[in-house]
C-alpha atoms as a PDB file:
ATOM      1  CA  MET A   1     125.224  19.443 157.565  1.00  0.00           C
ATOM      2  CA  GLN A   2     126.016  15.726 157.656  1.00  0.00           C
ATOM      3  CA  GLU A   3     126.789  14.145 160.996  1.00  0.00           C
ATOM      4  CA  LYS A   4     130.362  12.918 161.328  1.00  0.00           C
ATOM      5  CA  LEU A   5     130.785   9.219 160.669  1.00  0.00           C
ATOM      6  CA  PRO A   6     133.876   7.181 161.397  1.00  0.00           C
ATOM      7  CA  GLY A   7     136.099   6.424 158.455  1.00  0.00           C
ATOM      8  CA  ARG A   8     136.711   8.327 155.279  1.00  0.00           C
ATOM      9  CA  PRO A   9     134.794  11.630 155.000  1.00  0.00           C
ATOM     10  CA  VAL A  10     132.050  12.012 152.416  1.00  0.00           C
ATOM     11  CA  GLY A  11     133.488  13.718 149.329  1.00  0.00           C
ATOM     12  CA  PRO A  12     131.967  16.331 147.004  1.00  0.00           C
ATOM     13  CA  ILE A  13     130.434  13.773 144.631  1.00  0.00           C
ATOM     14  CA  ALA A  14     128.761  11.884 147.469  1.00  0.00           C
ATOM     15  CA  GLU A  15     127.554  15.197 148.941  1.00  0.00           C
ATOM     16  CA  ALA A  16     126.008  16.106 145.581  1.00  0.00           C
ATOM     17  CA  VAL A  17     124.268  12.710 145.378  1.00  0.00           C
ATOM     18  CA  LEU A  18     122.916  13.090 148.921  1.00  0.00           C
ATOM     19  CA  GLU A  19     121.630  16.607 148.219  1.00  0.00           C
ATOM     20  CA  LEU A  20     119.963  15.466 144.995  1.00  0.00           C
ATOM     21  CA  LEU A  21     118.267  12.551 146.759  1.00  0.00           C
ATOM     22  CA  LYS A  22     117.079  14.833 149.562  1.00  0.00           C
ATOM     23  CA  GLU A  23     115.643  17.233 146.993  1.00  0.00           C
ATOM     24  CA  LYS A  24     114.105  14.803 144.473  1.00  0.00           C
ATOM     25  CA  GLY A  25     113.438  11.621 146.460  1.00  0.00           C
ATOM     26  CA  GLY A  26     113.699   8.138 144.956  1.00  0.00           C
ATOM     27  CA  LEU A  27     116.073   8.114 141.980  1.00  0.00           C
ATOM     28  CA  THR A  28     117.945   5.386 140.138  1.00  0.00           C
ATOM     29  CA  ALA A  29     121.707   5.517 139.589  1.00  0.00           C
ATOM     30  CA  ARG A  30     121.055   6.364 135.917  1.00  0.00           C
ATOM     31  CA  GLU A  31     118.812   9.311 136.896  1.00  0.00           C
ATOM     32  CA  ILE A  32     121.429  10.517 139.377  1.00  0.00           C
ATOM     33  CA  ALA A  33     124.125  10.290 136.686  1.00  0.00           C
ATOM     34  CA  VAL A  34     122.029  12.295 134.223  1.00  0.00           C
ATOM     35  CA  GLN A  35     121.137  14.976 136.793  1.00  0.00           C
ATOM     36  CA  LEU A  36     124.737  15.398 137.983  1.00  0.00           C
ATOM     37  CA  MET A  37     126.307  14.896 134.530  1.00  0.00           C
ATOM     38  CA  MET A  38     128.581  12.057 135.599  1.00  0.00           C
ATOM     39  CA  PRO A  39     129.263   8.570 134.235  1.00  0.00           C
ATOM     40  CA  ILE A  40     126.711   5.932 135.276  1.00  0.00           C
ATOM     41  CA  GLU A  41     129.438   3.747 136.795  1.00  0.00           C
ATOM     42  CA  ARG A  42     130.516   6.613 139.060  1.00  0.00           C
ATOM     43  CA  ALA A  43     126.903   7.089 140.212  1.00  0.00           C
ATOM     44  CA  LYS A  44     126.506   3.350 140.887  1.00  0.00           C
ATOM     45  CA  TYR A  45     129.763   3.221 142.844  1.00  0.00           C
ATOM     46  CA  THR A  46     128.859   6.303 144.884  1.00  0.00           C
ATOM     47  CA  CYS A  47     125.388   4.923 145.667  1.00  0.00           C
ATOM     48  CA  SER A  48     126.934   1.612 146.713  1.00  0.00           C
ATOM     49  CA  ARG A  49     129.370   3.391 149.047  1.00  0.00           C
ATOM     50  CA  LEU A  50     126.643   5.580 150.558  1.00  0.00           C
ATOM     51  CA  GLU A  51     124.400   2.554 151.043  1.00  0.00           C
ATOM     52  CA  SER A  52     127.158   0.614 152.817  1.00  0.00           C
ATOM     53  CA  ARG A  53     127.633   3.580 155.170  1.00  0.00           C
ATOM     54  CA  GLY A  54     123.916   3.663 155.942  1.00  0.00           C
ATOM     55  CA  LEU A  55     123.319   7.120 154.455  1.00  0.00           C
ATOM     56  CA  ILE A  56     120.976   5.953 151.686  1.00  0.00           C
ATOM     57  CA  ARG A  57     118.884   2.831 151.141  1.00  0.00           C
ATOM     58  CA  VAL A  58     117.221   1.003 148.287  1.00  0.00           C
ATOM     59  CA  ALA A  59     113.602   2.131 148.481  1.00  0.00           C
ATOM     60  CA  LYS A  60     112.399  -0.326 145.834  1.00  0.00           C
ATOM     61  CA  ARG A  61     113.533  -2.337 142.844  1.00  0.00           C
ATOM     62  CA  ASN A  62     111.730  -1.980 139.501  1.00  0.00           C
ATOM     63  CA  ARG A  63     111.872  -4.146 136.393  1.00  0.00           C
ATOM     64  CA  MET A  64     112.704  -1.951 133.431  1.00  0.00           C
ATOM     65  CA  PRO A  65     112.161  -2.857 129.779  1.00  0.00           C
ATOM     66  CA  GLY A  66     115.384  -4.014 128.158  1.00  0.00           C
ATOM     67  CA  VAL A  67     117.215  -4.482 131.479  1.00  0.00           C
ATOM     68  CA  ASN A  68     117.927  -8.017 132.734  1.00  0.00           C
ATOM     69  CA  LYS A  69     117.966  -7.304 136.451  1.00  0.00           C
ATOM     70  CA  PRO A  70     115.824  -4.980 138.574  1.00  0.00           C
ATOM     71  CA  VAL A  71     116.882  -1.344 138.853  1.00  0.00           C
ATOM     72  CA  ALA A  72     117.224   0.092 142.380  1.00  0.00           C
ATOM     73  CA  GLN A  73     115.672   3.394 143.438  1.00  0.00           C
ATOM     74  CA  TYR A  74     117.606   5.085 146.241  1.00  0.00           C
ATOM     75  CA  LYS A  75     116.367   7.295 149.082  1.00  0.00           C
ATOM     76  CA  VAL A  76     118.144   9.102 151.897  1.00  0.00           C
ATOM     77  CA  VAL A  77     117.975   7.453 155.317  1.00  0.00           C
ATOM     78  CA  HIS A  78     116.441   9.890 157.775  1.00  0.00           C
ATOM     79  CA  ARG A  79     118.084   9.691 161.155  1.00  0.00           C
ATOM     80  CA  PRO A  80     116.372  11.187 164.175  1.00  0.00           C
ATOM     81  CA  GLN A  81     118.194  14.125 165.681  1.00  0.00           C
ATOM     82  CA  VAL A  82     119.449  13.350 169.188  1.00  0.00           C
ATOM     83  CA  SER A  83     120.268  16.191 171.530  1.00  0.00           C
ATOM     84  CA  PRO A  84     123.739  16.265 173.109  1.00  0.00           C
ATOM     85  CA  THR A  85     122.222  15.899 176.604  1.00  0.00           C
ATOM     86  CA  ALA A  86     120.388  12.738 175.541  1.00  0.00           C
ATOM     87  CA  ARG A  87     123.663  11.296 174.261  1.00  0.00           C
ATOM     88  CA  LEU A  88     125.223  11.886 177.696  1.00  0.00           C
ATOM     89  CA  SER A  89     122.243  10.276 179.456  1.00  0.00           C
ATOM     90  CA  TYR A  90     122.448   7.070 177.428  1.00  0.00           C
ATOM     91  CA  PRO A  91     126.039   5.887 177.175  1.00  0.00           C
ATOM     92  CA  PHE A  92     125.226   2.878 174.917  1.00  0.00           C
END
């Protein structure tokens, strides 16, 4: 279960991308698009949104043959679980 973040909730496509990245590890937007059978632009946009929210990060950038700019591999950001009592102890 994803922790609640302020702003717009994560939708079903973003949830599917997050689950796939948790399961498979570092994937490019093209690999995500192929696995989830979605257009590459949708995968890129979703990865960009998830990255801006801090849920995924670019693990590394690879040069691919026939591609002018480096291709990003994404991974899920692992956040430490904080107990509710610890949250009350540290108000910052």
